[in-house]
Amino acid sequence: MTGEATLKEVIARLAKAIEALEDAAAARLEREQDYGEAEAEVQRMNADRARLAQELDGSEARSERLEEANKEVSRRLVTAMETIRAVLDR
């Protein structure tokens, strides 16, 4: 019976080892999937960052144009006010 008992023990140990290997393989696959998802998220974030940077550049350019237009309008208003004062002072 010891040979049969030893064989049963070996088979049980082998089954445990196979189960542990399957668990390790499943955990590895899960980690790889998580890594893939994280990598995809990083790529989406980089794309968003690039889009936002482009929008910011466009907004800054528009702001500069508006600031220049504001200065021009202000200059013209000052000129118009000076002209009106000159006419009124006559």
C-alpha atoms as a PDB file:
ATOM      1  CA  MET A   1       0.000   0.000   0.000  1.00  0.00           C
ATOM      2  CA  THR A   2       2.868   2.425   0.499  1.00  0.00           C
ATOM      3  CA  GLY A   3       3.568   2.499  -3.218  1.00  0.00           C
ATOM      4  CA  GLU A   4      -0.078   3.257  -3.915  1.00  0.00           C
ATOM      5  CA  ALA A   5      -0.206   5.857  -1.138  1.00  0.00           C
ATOM      6  CA  THR A   6       2.971   7.465  -2.432  1.00  0.00           C
ATOM      7  CA  LEU A   7       1.536   7.550  -5.960  1.00  0.00           C
ATOM      8  CA  LYS A   8      -1.638   9.201  -4.658  1.00  0.00           C
ATOM      9  CA  GLU A   9       0.463  11.762  -2.778  1.00  0.00           C
ATOM     10  CA  VAL A  10       2.542  12.476  -5.890  1.00  0.00           C
ATOM     11  CA  ILE A  11      -0.614  12.874  -7.997  1.00  0.00           C
ATOM     12  CA  ALA A  12      -2.120  15.179  -5.360  1.00  0.00           C
ATOM     13  CA  ARG A  13       1.086  17.274  -5.251  1.00  0.00           C
ATOM     14  CA  LEU A  14       1.139  17.391  -9.046  1.00  0.00           C
ATOM     15  CA  ALA A  15      -2.507  18.520  -9.092  1.00  0.00           C
ATOM     16  CA  LYS A  16      -1.682  21.242  -6.537  1.00  0.00           C
ATOM     17  CA  ALA A  17       1.321  22.346  -8.585  1.00  0.00           C
ATOM     18  CA  ILE A  18      -0.774  22.492 -11.765  1.00  0.00           C
ATOM     19  CA  GLU A  19      -3.446  24.502  -9.943  1.00  0.00           C
ATOM     20  CA  ALA A  20      -0.791  26.908  -8.635  1.00  0.00           C
ATOM     21  CA  LEU A  21       0.616  27.261 -12.147  1.00  0.00           C
ATOM     22  CA  GLU A  22      -2.850  27.976 -13.556  1.00  0.00           C
ATOM     23  CA  ASP A  23      -3.446  30.576 -10.845  1.00  0.00           C
ATOM     24  CA  ALA A  24      -0.098  32.219 -11.576  1.00  0.00           C
ATOM     25  CA  ALA A  25      -0.825  32.248 -15.317  1.00  0.00           C
ATOM     26  CA  ALA A  26      -4.274  33.780 -14.713  1.00  0.00           C
ATOM     27  CA  ALA A  27      -2.776  36.444 -12.438  1.00  0.00           C
ATOM     28  CA  ARG A  28      -0.127  37.235 -15.054  1.00  0.00           C
ATOM     29  CA  LEU A  29      -2.750  37.579 -17.787  1.00  0.00           C
ATOM     30  CA  GLU A  30      -4.786  39.886 -15.549  1.00  0.00           C
ATOM     31  CA  ARG A  31      -1.728  42.070 -14.846  1.00  0.00           C
ATOM     32  CA  GLU A  32      -0.948  42.253 -18.557  1.00  0.00           C
ATOM     33  CA  GLN A  33      -4.538  43.246 -19.288  1.00  0.00           C
ATOM     34  CA  ASP A  34      -4.393  45.916 -16.567  1.00  0.00           C
ATOM     35  CA  TYR A  35      -1.108  47.175 -18.028  1.00  0.00           C
ATOM     36  CA  GLY A  36      -2.646  47.308 -21.496  1.00  0.00           C
ATOM     37  CA  GLU A  37      -5.609  49.279 -20.178  1.00  0.00           C
ATOM     38  CA  ALA A  38      -3.296  51.662 -18.321  1.00  0.00           C
ATOM     39  CA  GLU A  39      -1.204  52.150 -21.464  1.00  0.00           C
ATOM     40  CA  ALA A  40      -4.345  52.913 -23.477  1.00  0.00           C
ATOM     41  CA  GLU A  41      -5.426  55.431 -20.815  1.00  0.00           C
ATOM     42  CA  VAL A  42      -2.008  57.121 -20.952  1.00  0.00           C
ATOM     43  CA  GLN A  43      -2.320  57.390 -24.732  1.00  0.00           C
ATOM     44  CA  ARG A  44      -5.801  58.920 -24.399  1.00  0.00           C
ATOM     45  CA  MET A  45      -4.482  61.379 -21.814  1.00  0.00           C
ATOM     46  CA  ASN A  46      -1.574  62.350 -24.075  1.00  0.00           C
ATOM     47  CA  ALA A  47      -3.975  62.902 -26.963  1.00  0.00           C
ATOM     48  CA  ASP A  48      -6.188  65.053 -24.701  1.00  0.00           C
ATOM     49  CA  ARG A  49      -3.160  67.004 -23.502  1.00  0.00           C
ATOM     50  CA  ALA A  50      -2.068  67.668 -27.079  1.00  0.00           C
ATOM     51  CA  ARG A  51      -5.596  68.772 -28.034  1.00  0.00           C
ATOM     52  CA  LEU A  52      -5.856  71.037 -24.994  1.00  0.00           C
ATOM     53  CA  ALA A  53      -2.422  72.532 -25.692  1.00  0.00           C
ATOM     54  CA  GLN A  54      -3.519  73.295 -29.253  1.00  0.00           C
ATOM     55  CA  GLU A  55      -6.757  74.871 -28.015  1.00  0.00           C
ATOM     56  CA  LEU A  56      -4.795  76.921 -25.479  1.00  0.00           C
ATOM     57  CA  ASP A  57      -2.455  78.171 -28.199  1.00  0.00           C
ATOM     58  CA  GLY A  58      -5.466  79.171 -30.289  1.00  0.00           C
ATOM     59  CA  SER A  59      -7.067  80.930 -27.338  1.00  0.00           C
ATOM     60  CA  GLU A  60      -3.860  82.796 -26.537  1.00  0.00           C
ATOM     61  CA  ALA A  61      -3.555  83.935 -30.154  1.00  0.00           C
ATOM     62  CA  ARG A  62      -7.192  85.109 -30.127  1.00  0.00           C
ATOM     63  CA  SER A  63      -6.585  86.912 -26.826  1.00  0.00           C
ATOM     64  CA  GLU A  64      -3.609  88.731 -28.311  1.00  0.00           C
ATOM     65  CA  ARG A  65      -5.654  89.756 -31.367  1.00  0.00           C
ATOM     66  CA  LEU A  66      -8.460  91.017 -29.117  1.00  0.00           C
ATOM     67  CA  GLU A  67      -5.972  92.930 -26.983  1.00  0.00           C
ATOM     68  CA  GLU A  68      -4.544  94.621 -30.076  1.00  0.00           C
ATOM     69  CA  ALA A  69      -8.051  95.446 -31.328  1.00  0.00           C
ATOM     70  CA  ASN A  70      -8.888  96.867 -27.897  1.00  0.00           C
ATOM     71  CA  LYS A  71      -5.800  99.092 -28.005  1.00  0.00           C
ATOM     72  CA  GLU A  72      -6.737 100.296 -31.505  1.00  0.00           C
ATOM     73  CA  VAL A  73     -10.322 101.066 -30.443  1.00  0.00           C
ATOM     74  CA  SER A  74      -9.046 102.900 -27.383  1.00  0.00           C
ATOM     75  CA  ARG A  75      -6.620 104.925 -29.512  1.00  0.00           C
ATOM     76  CA  ARG A  76      -9.406 105.837 -31.935  1.00  0.00           C
ATOM     77  CA  LEU A  77     -11.733 106.846 -29.082  1.00  0.00           C
ATOM     78  CA  VAL A  78      -9.067 109.135 -27.640  1.00  0.00           C
ATOM     79  CA  THR A  79      -8.576 110.683 -31.082  1.00  0.00           C
ATOM     80  CA  ALA A  80     -12.342 111.133 -31.508  1.00  0.00           C
ATOM     81  CA  MET A  81     -12.672 112.702 -28.044  1.00  0.00           C
ATOM     82  CA  GLU A  82      -9.825 115.104 -28.765  1.00  0.00           C
ATOM     83  CA  THR A  83     -11.445 116.058 -32.061  1.00  0.00           C
ATOM     84  CA  ILE A  84     -14.796 116.681 -30.353  1.00  0.00           C
ATOM     85  CA  ARG A  85     -13.111 118.812 -27.660  1.00  0.00           C
ATOM     86  CA  ALA A  86     -11.333 120.831 -30.324  1.00  0.00           C
ATOM     87  CA  VAL A  87     -14.618 121.439 -32.126  1.00  0.00           C
ATOM     88  CA  LEU A  88     -16.404 122.418 -28.896  1.00  0.00           C
ATOM     89  CA  ASP A  89     -13.595 124.778 -27.853  1.00  0.00           C
ATOM     90  CA  ARG A  90     -13.965 126.852 -31.014  1.00  0.00           C
END
